Amino acid sequence: MLIRKMFMVFLPALALVFSALLWGEGLNSAEAISLGGIVNKAQKAVKVGQAVNKAAQDFTPEQEYYIGRAVAANLLATYPPADEPKLNAYLNKVGQALALASDKPETFGGYHFLAMKTREVNAFACPGGFILVSKGLINLCRSEDDLAAVLAHEIAHIQLEHGIKAIKKGRQSEVAGLLISEAAKEITPGQLGQLVGLFDKSIGDVVKKMMVNGYSREQELEADYQALVIMSRVGYHPRHLVQVLAQMKAKFTQKSTGFAKTHPSPELRMKEAQGYLPPGKAPDSPQRRLARYKKALTGPR
């Protein structure tokens, strides 16, 4: 659509150029000056078209992996990793089992799970398979089944490529904004550089989306639904997702940060999730499962 719009803008000018070349018509000095400007516009149009194509292209699994790794590094600059090898090994054991049951069981570099040293209740799913969970959220869980609900939700974000989609949508919106503006009819070198370098800020896009804006309500509810599916496939009762949301509801206040600022209200998410589940309460976690959960969390809380 954007390329067609640019083509229609420059079509009359290009027609004049090709007509002169085809019929060998002479051009006076004034026409030659005008023609030079037309050719320059045409060259810019080609470059802008390339930028549009770049904005629309898909990321390869390898590109997604390196973007996600950089996003995780940026997040860990704010939320440092928890130096708890036993806890992190446990997160990866539970997380890997859930990831294998998702519709995206493999990524270019594999899934990686890490605890963040902060009491804030939060978690991040970075493109490519990097999942960060705060100690505050881990401690909010009462069992491995609760923790599995949290991890399954984050895995669902990766499965559904919400982080990568945020980059594509943001970049294409910027392209469209520049091209349909009046200024875009006479694209300056600065604007052209802005168009060509649209993906240079991809890392910042995802970090801002996760830490400041959050995903859309529809995306969060979509991730909740997929979390129910993933949990069921592994053998965790999906109603534990509702239980975790209830615990969040009890803890959150108007001043709460993290999940409370970037996610839909727990009440809304609970209502939506319950619509897919039979009535009743979440069953107790099996004793063996509960024992290994407590053992993994015996470090500093």
Protein backbone atom coordinates (compact mmCIF):
# COMPACT_ATOMS: atom_id res chain seq x y z
CA MET A 1 0.00 0.00 0.00
CA LEU A 2 2.79 2.42 0.93
CA ILE A 3 4.87 1.52 -2.11
CA ARG A 4 1.82 2.00 -4.36
CA LYS A 5 1.26 5.46 -2.85
CA MET A 6 4.87 6.49 -3.53
CA PHE A 7 4.65 5.11 -7.06
CA MET A 8 1.55 7.23 -7.76
CA VAL A 9 3.29 10.34 -6.41
CA PHE A 10 6.32 9.95 -8.67
CA LEU A 11 4.60 8.41 -11.73
CA PRO A 12 4.10 11.70 -13.67
CA ALA A 13 7.73 12.67 -13.19
CA LEU A 14 9.03 9.27 -14.27
CA ALA A 15 6.76 9.34 -17.33
CA LEU A 16 8.39 12.60 -18.45
CA VAL A 17 11.88 11.15 -18.05
CA PHE A 18 11.15 7.99 -20.00
CA SER A 19 9.31 9.89 -22.74
CA ALA A 20 12.30 12.13 -23.31
CA LEU A 21 14.69 9.20 -23.42
CA LEU A 22 12.48 7.15 -25.74
CA TRP A 23 11.75 9.81 -28.36
CA GLY A 24 15.00 11.68 -28.14
CA GLU A 25 13.31 15.00 -27.46
CA GLY A 26 15.65 17.86 -26.69
CA LEU A 27 15.52 19.57 -23.33
CA ASN A 28 16.32 23.21 -22.68
CA SER A 29 18.36 24.28 -19.66
CA ALA A 30 15.28 24.95 -17.52
CA GLU A 31 13.84 21.56 -18.38
CA ALA A 32 17.20 19.92 -17.67
CA ILE A 33 17.29 21.48 -14.20
CA SER A 34 13.74 20.28 -13.60
CA LEU A 35 14.65 16.84 -14.90
CA GLY A 36 17.58 16.64 -12.49
CA GLY A 37 15.21 17.22 -9.61
CA ILE A 38 12.84 14.59 -10.94
CA VAL A 39 15.58 11.99 -11.19
CA ASN A 40 16.73 12.86 -7.68
CA LYS A 41 13.19 12.35 -6.41
CA ALA A 42 12.98 9.03 -8.21
CA GLN A 43 16.22 7.86 -6.63
CA LYS A 44 14.91 8.83 -3.21
CA ALA A 45 11.68 6.99 -3.92
CA VAL A 46 13.62 3.80 -4.62
CA LYS A 47 15.53 4.15 -1.33
CA VAL A 48 12.35 4.83 0.60
CA GLY A 49 10.77 1.78 -1.01
CA GLN A 50 13.70 -0.28 0.24
CA ALA A 51 13.15 1.12 3.73
CA VAL A 52 9.48 0.16 3.56
CA ASN A 53 10.42 -3.37 2.54
CA LYS A 54 12.87 -3.52 5.43
CA ALA A 55 10.14 -2.45 7.84
CA ALA A 56 7.83 -5.19 6.63
CA GLN A 57 10.28 -8.07 6.50
CA ASP A 58 10.25 -10.97 8.94
CA PHE A 59 13.07 -11.56 11.39
CA THR A 60 15.03 -14.76 11.06
CA PRO A 61 15.21 -17.02 14.15
CA GLU A 62 18.84 -15.97 14.57
CA GLN A 63 17.98 -12.26 14.45
CA GLU A 64 15.17 -12.81 16.93
CA TYR A 65 17.59 -14.58 19.27
CA TYR A 66 20.15 -11.76 19.25
CA ILE A 67 17.45 -9.11 19.65
CA GLY A 68 16.06 -11.03 22.64
CA ARG A 69 19.49 -11.44 24.20
CA ALA A 70 20.11 -7.70 23.94
CA VAL A 71 16.65 -6.94 25.37
CA ALA A 72 17.34 -9.25 28.33
CA ALA A 73 20.69 -7.56 28.96
CA ASN A 74 18.97 -4.16 29.04
CA LEU A 75 16.34 -5.41 31.49
CA LEU A 76 18.98 -6.97 33.75
CA ALA A 77 20.68 -3.58 33.97
CA THR A 78 17.58 -2.43 35.87
CA TYR A 79 16.69 -5.72 37.55
CA PRO A 80 19.95 -7.55 38.38
CA PRO A 81 20.00 -11.35 38.20
CA ALA A 82 19.56 -13.32 41.41
CA ASP A 83 22.76 -15.15 42.31
CA GLU A 84 20.92 -18.33 43.29
CA PRO A 85 22.11 -21.29 41.16
CA LYS A 86 19.69 -23.74 42.79
CA LEU A 87 16.67 -21.53 42.13
CA ASN A 88 17.72 -20.77 38.56
CA ALA A 89 18.32 -24.45 37.82
CA TYR A 90 14.84 -25.20 39.15
CA LEU A 91 13.27 -22.44 37.02
CA ASN A 92 14.92 -23.92 33.95
CA LYS A 93 13.79 -27.46 34.78
CA VAL A 94 10.14 -26.42 35.09
CA GLY A 95 10.36 -23.90 32.26
CA GLN A 96 11.94 -26.30 29.76
CA ALA A 97 9.19 -28.88 30.34
CA LEU A 98 6.54 -26.21 29.68
CA ALA A 99 8.35 -24.83 26.63
CA LEU A 100 8.50 -28.28 25.04
CA ALA A 101 4.71 -28.52 25.39
CA SER A 102 4.15 -25.15 23.69
CA ASP A 103 3.50 -24.61 20.00
CA LYS A 104 7.03 -23.19 19.74
CA PRO A 105 9.13 -25.82 21.54
CA GLU A 106 12.40 -24.67 19.97
CA THR A 107 14.08 -21.34 19.33
CA PHE A 108 17.41 -20.56 17.68
CA GLY A 109 19.30 -20.46 20.99
CA GLY A 110 16.84 -22.40 23.16
CA TYR A 111 14.81 -21.20 26.12
CA HIS A 112 16.57 -19.61 29.11
CA PHE A 113 14.97 -18.82 32.48
CA LEU A 114 16.49 -16.53 35.11
CA ALA A 115 15.36 -15.04 38.42
CA MET A 116 15.71 -11.29 38.96
CA LYS A 117 16.78 -9.92 42.32
CA THR A 118 13.86 -7.60 43.06
CA ARG A 119 10.79 -7.71 45.30
CA GLU A 120 8.72 -6.14 42.53
CA VAL A 121 6.13 -8.55 41.13
CA ASN A 122 7.13 -8.79 37.47
CA ALA A 123 8.25 -11.04 34.63
CA PHE A 124 9.49 -10.51 31.07
CA ALA A 125 9.42 -12.68 27.96
CA CYS A 126 12.15 -11.49 25.61
CA PRO A 127 12.16 -12.53 21.93
CA GLY A 128 14.06 -15.70 21.15
CA GLY A 129 13.29 -17.51 24.40
CA PHE A 130 14.73 -15.41 27.28
CA ILE A 131 12.36 -15.34 30.28
CA LEU A 132 13.09 -13.29 33.41
CA VAL A 133 11.01 -13.68 36.59
CA SER A 134 11.34 -11.49 39.68
CA LYS A 135 11.90 -12.94 43.16
CA GLY A 136 8.81 -10.96 44.18
CA LEU A 137 6.65 -12.91 41.75
CA ILE A 138 8.30 -16.24 42.58
CA ASN A 139 7.63 -15.66 46.28
CA LEU A 140 4.03 -14.76 45.49
CA CYS A 141 3.52 -18.31 44.17
CA ARG A 142 2.54 -20.98 46.70
CA SER A 143 3.49 -24.05 44.73
CA GLU A 144 5.21 -25.33 41.62
CA ASP A 145 1.84 -25.33 39.87
CA ASP A 146 1.49 -21.59 40.54
CA LEU A 147 5.00 -20.99 39.25
CA ALA A 148 4.23 -23.09 36.16
CA ALA A 149 1.27 -20.78 35.45
CA VAL A 150 3.60 -17.76 35.50
CA LEU A 151 6.20 -19.40 33.25
CA ALA A 152 3.57 -20.75 30.85
CA HIS A 153 2.17 -17.23 30.40
CA GLU A 154 5.61 -15.87 29.51
CA ILE A 155 6.33 -18.80 27.17
CA ALA A 156 3.03 -18.04 25.44
CA HIS A 157 4.23 -14.48 24.72
CA ILE A 158 7.26 -15.94 22.93
CA GLN A 159 5.17 -18.55 21.13
CA LEU A 160 2.84 -15.79 19.90
CA GLU A 161 5.83 -13.53 19.00
CA HIS A 162 4.37 -10.54 20.81
CA GLY A 163 7.76 -8.88 21.29
CA ILE A 164 8.76 -9.16 17.63
CA LYS A 165 5.31 -8.01 16.51
CA ALA A 166 5.75 -4.91 18.66
CA ILE A 167 8.89 -4.02 16.69
CA LYS A 168 7.25 -4.58 13.30
CA LYS A 169 4.14 -2.61 14.19
CA GLY A 170 6.13 0.29 15.61
CA ARG A 171 8.49 0.51 12.67
CA GLN A 172 5.76 0.27 10.03
CA SER A 173 3.79 2.97 11.82
CA GLU A 174 6.80 5.27 11.68
CA VAL A 175 7.28 4.59 7.97
CA ALA A 176 3.63 5.31 7.27
CA GLY A 177 3.72 8.49 9.33
CA LEU A 178 6.66 9.88 7.41
CA LEU A 179 5.37 8.97 3.97
CA ILE A 180 1.83 10.32 4.32
CA SER A 181 2.95 13.62 5.84
CA GLU A 182 3.29 16.69 3.66
CA ALA A 183 7.01 16.77 4.33
CA ALA A 184 7.40 13.28 2.89
CA LYS A 185 6.59 14.62 -0.56
CA GLU A 186 9.98 16.31 -0.47
CA ILE A 187 11.98 13.79 1.54
CA THR A 188 14.98 15.41 3.17
CA PRO A 189 18.27 13.59 3.83
CA GLY A 190 17.41 13.54 7.52
CA GLN A 191 14.05 11.92 6.89
CA LEU A 192 15.60 9.43 4.52
CA GLY A 193 18.13 8.46 7.19
CA GLN A 194 15.29 8.07 9.64
CA LEU A 195 13.48 5.74 7.26
CA VAL A 196 16.51 3.63 6.41
CA GLY A 197 17.50 3.23 10.07
CA LEU A 198 14.08 2.33 11.37
CA PHE A 199 15.17 -0.96 12.93
CA ASP A 200 18.21 0.49 14.68
CA LYS A 201 16.10 1.11 17.81
CA SER A 202 14.47 -2.32 17.88
CA ILE A 203 15.96 -3.18 21.27
CA GLY A 204 14.64 -0.03 22.85
CA ASP A 205 11.21 -0.69 21.36
CA VAL A 206 10.81 -4.02 23.15
CA VAL A 207 12.30 -2.79 26.44
CA LYS A 208 9.90 0.16 26.48
CA LYS A 209 6.99 -2.10 25.58
CA MET A 210 7.77 -4.42 28.48
CA MET A 211 8.75 -1.94 31.17
CA VAL A 212 6.57 1.09 30.40
CA ASN A 213 3.67 0.35 28.08
CA GLY A 214 3.08 -3.38 28.37
CA TYR A 215 1.37 -5.51 25.77
CA SER A 216 -2.21 -4.86 24.72
CA ARG A 217 -5.10 -6.29 26.71
CA GLU A 218 -5.85 -8.65 23.84
CA GLN A 219 -2.28 -9.95 23.77
CA GLU A 220 -2.23 -10.55 27.54
CA LEU A 221 -5.52 -12.43 27.44
CA GLU A 222 -4.28 -14.40 24.45
CA ALA A 223 -1.14 -15.37 26.43
CA ASP A 224 -3.33 -16.39 29.38
CA TYR A 225 -5.37 -18.72 27.19
CA GLN A 226 -2.27 -20.32 25.68
CA ALA A 227 -0.84 -20.71 29.20
CA LEU A 228 -3.91 -22.78 30.14
CA VAL A 229 -3.25 -25.01 27.12
CA ILE A 230 0.45 -25.43 27.87
CA MET A 231 -0.16 -26.24 31.54
CA SER A 232 -2.75 -28.86 30.67
CA ARG A 233 -0.37 -30.59 28.26
CA VAL A 234 2.30 -30.94 30.94
CA GLY A 235 -0.02 -32.03 33.73
CA TYR A 236 -0.32 -28.84 35.79
CA HIS A 237 -3.89 -27.93 36.63
CA PRO A 238 -4.72 -24.78 34.61
CA ARG A 239 -6.83 -23.37 37.43
CA HIS A 240 -3.58 -22.45 39.18
CA LEU A 241 -3.34 -19.53 36.75
CA VAL A 242 -6.54 -18.14 38.27
CA GLN A 243 -5.11 -18.79 41.74
CA VAL A 244 -1.95 -16.80 40.98
CA LEU A 245 -4.05 -13.95 39.59
CA ALA A 246 -6.11 -13.96 42.79
CA GLN A 247 -2.91 -13.68 44.83
CA MET A 248 -1.81 -10.75 42.66
CA LYS A 249 -5.18 -9.07 43.16
CA ALA A 250 -4.77 -9.35 46.94
CA LYS A 251 -1.26 -7.90 46.84
CA PHE A 252 -1.60 -5.08 44.31
CA THR A 253 -2.40 -1.54 45.36
CA GLN A 254 -2.77 1.71 43.43
CA LYS A 255 0.95 2.32 44.00
CA SER A 256 2.06 -1.11 42.77
CA THR A 257 4.52 -1.27 39.89
CA GLY A 258 5.54 -4.11 37.57
CA PHE A 259 2.65 -6.34 36.51
CA ALA A 260 0.17 -3.92 38.07
CA LYS A 261 1.23 -1.14 35.68
CA THR A 262 1.77 -3.09 32.46
CA HIS A 263 -0.94 -5.78 32.58
CA PRO A 264 -4.75 -5.76 32.56
CA SER A 265 -6.37 -6.00 35.99
CA PRO A 266 -6.24 -9.41 37.68
CA GLU A 267 -10.04 -9.31 37.93
CA LEU A 268 -10.42 -9.11 34.14
CA ARG A 269 -7.86 -11.84 33.52
CA MET A 270 -9.47 -14.11 36.14
CA LYS A 271 -12.89 -13.66 34.57
CA GLU A 272 -11.58 -14.47 31.10
CA ALA A 273 -9.59 -17.52 32.23
CA GLN A 274 -12.47 -18.92 34.26
CA GLY A 275 -14.57 -18.89 31.12
CA TYR A 276 -12.39 -21.71 29.75
CA LEU A 277 -12.33 -23.79 32.95
CA PRO A 278 -14.82 -25.97 34.79
CA PRO A 279 -16.06 -24.57 38.12
CA GLY A 280 -14.17 -25.33 41.30
CA LYS A 281 -10.92 -24.52 43.06
CA ALA A 282 -7.37 -25.31 42.06
CA PRO A 283 -6.40 -28.74 43.47
CA ASP A 284 -3.53 -28.98 45.91
CA SER A 285 -0.13 -29.56 44.39
CA PRO A 286 1.15 -33.16 44.79
CA GLN A 287 3.45 -33.54 47.81
CA ARG A 288 6.50 -34.49 45.73
CA ARG A 289 6.01 -31.43 43.55
CA LEU A 290 5.49 -29.20 46.58
CA ALA A 291 8.62 -30.59 48.27
CA ARG A 292 10.92 -29.81 45.34
CA TYR A 293 9.38 -26.36 45.05
CA LYS A 294 10.14 -25.57 48.70
CA LYS A 295 13.63 -27.03 48.39
CA ALA A 296 14.43 -24.77 45.44
CA LEU A 297 13.26 -21.71 47.32
CA THR A 298 15.24 -22.30 50.53
CA GLY A 299 17.70 -19.57 49.56
CA PRO A 300 17.29 -15.85 50.44
CA ARG A 301 13.73 -14.63 49.86
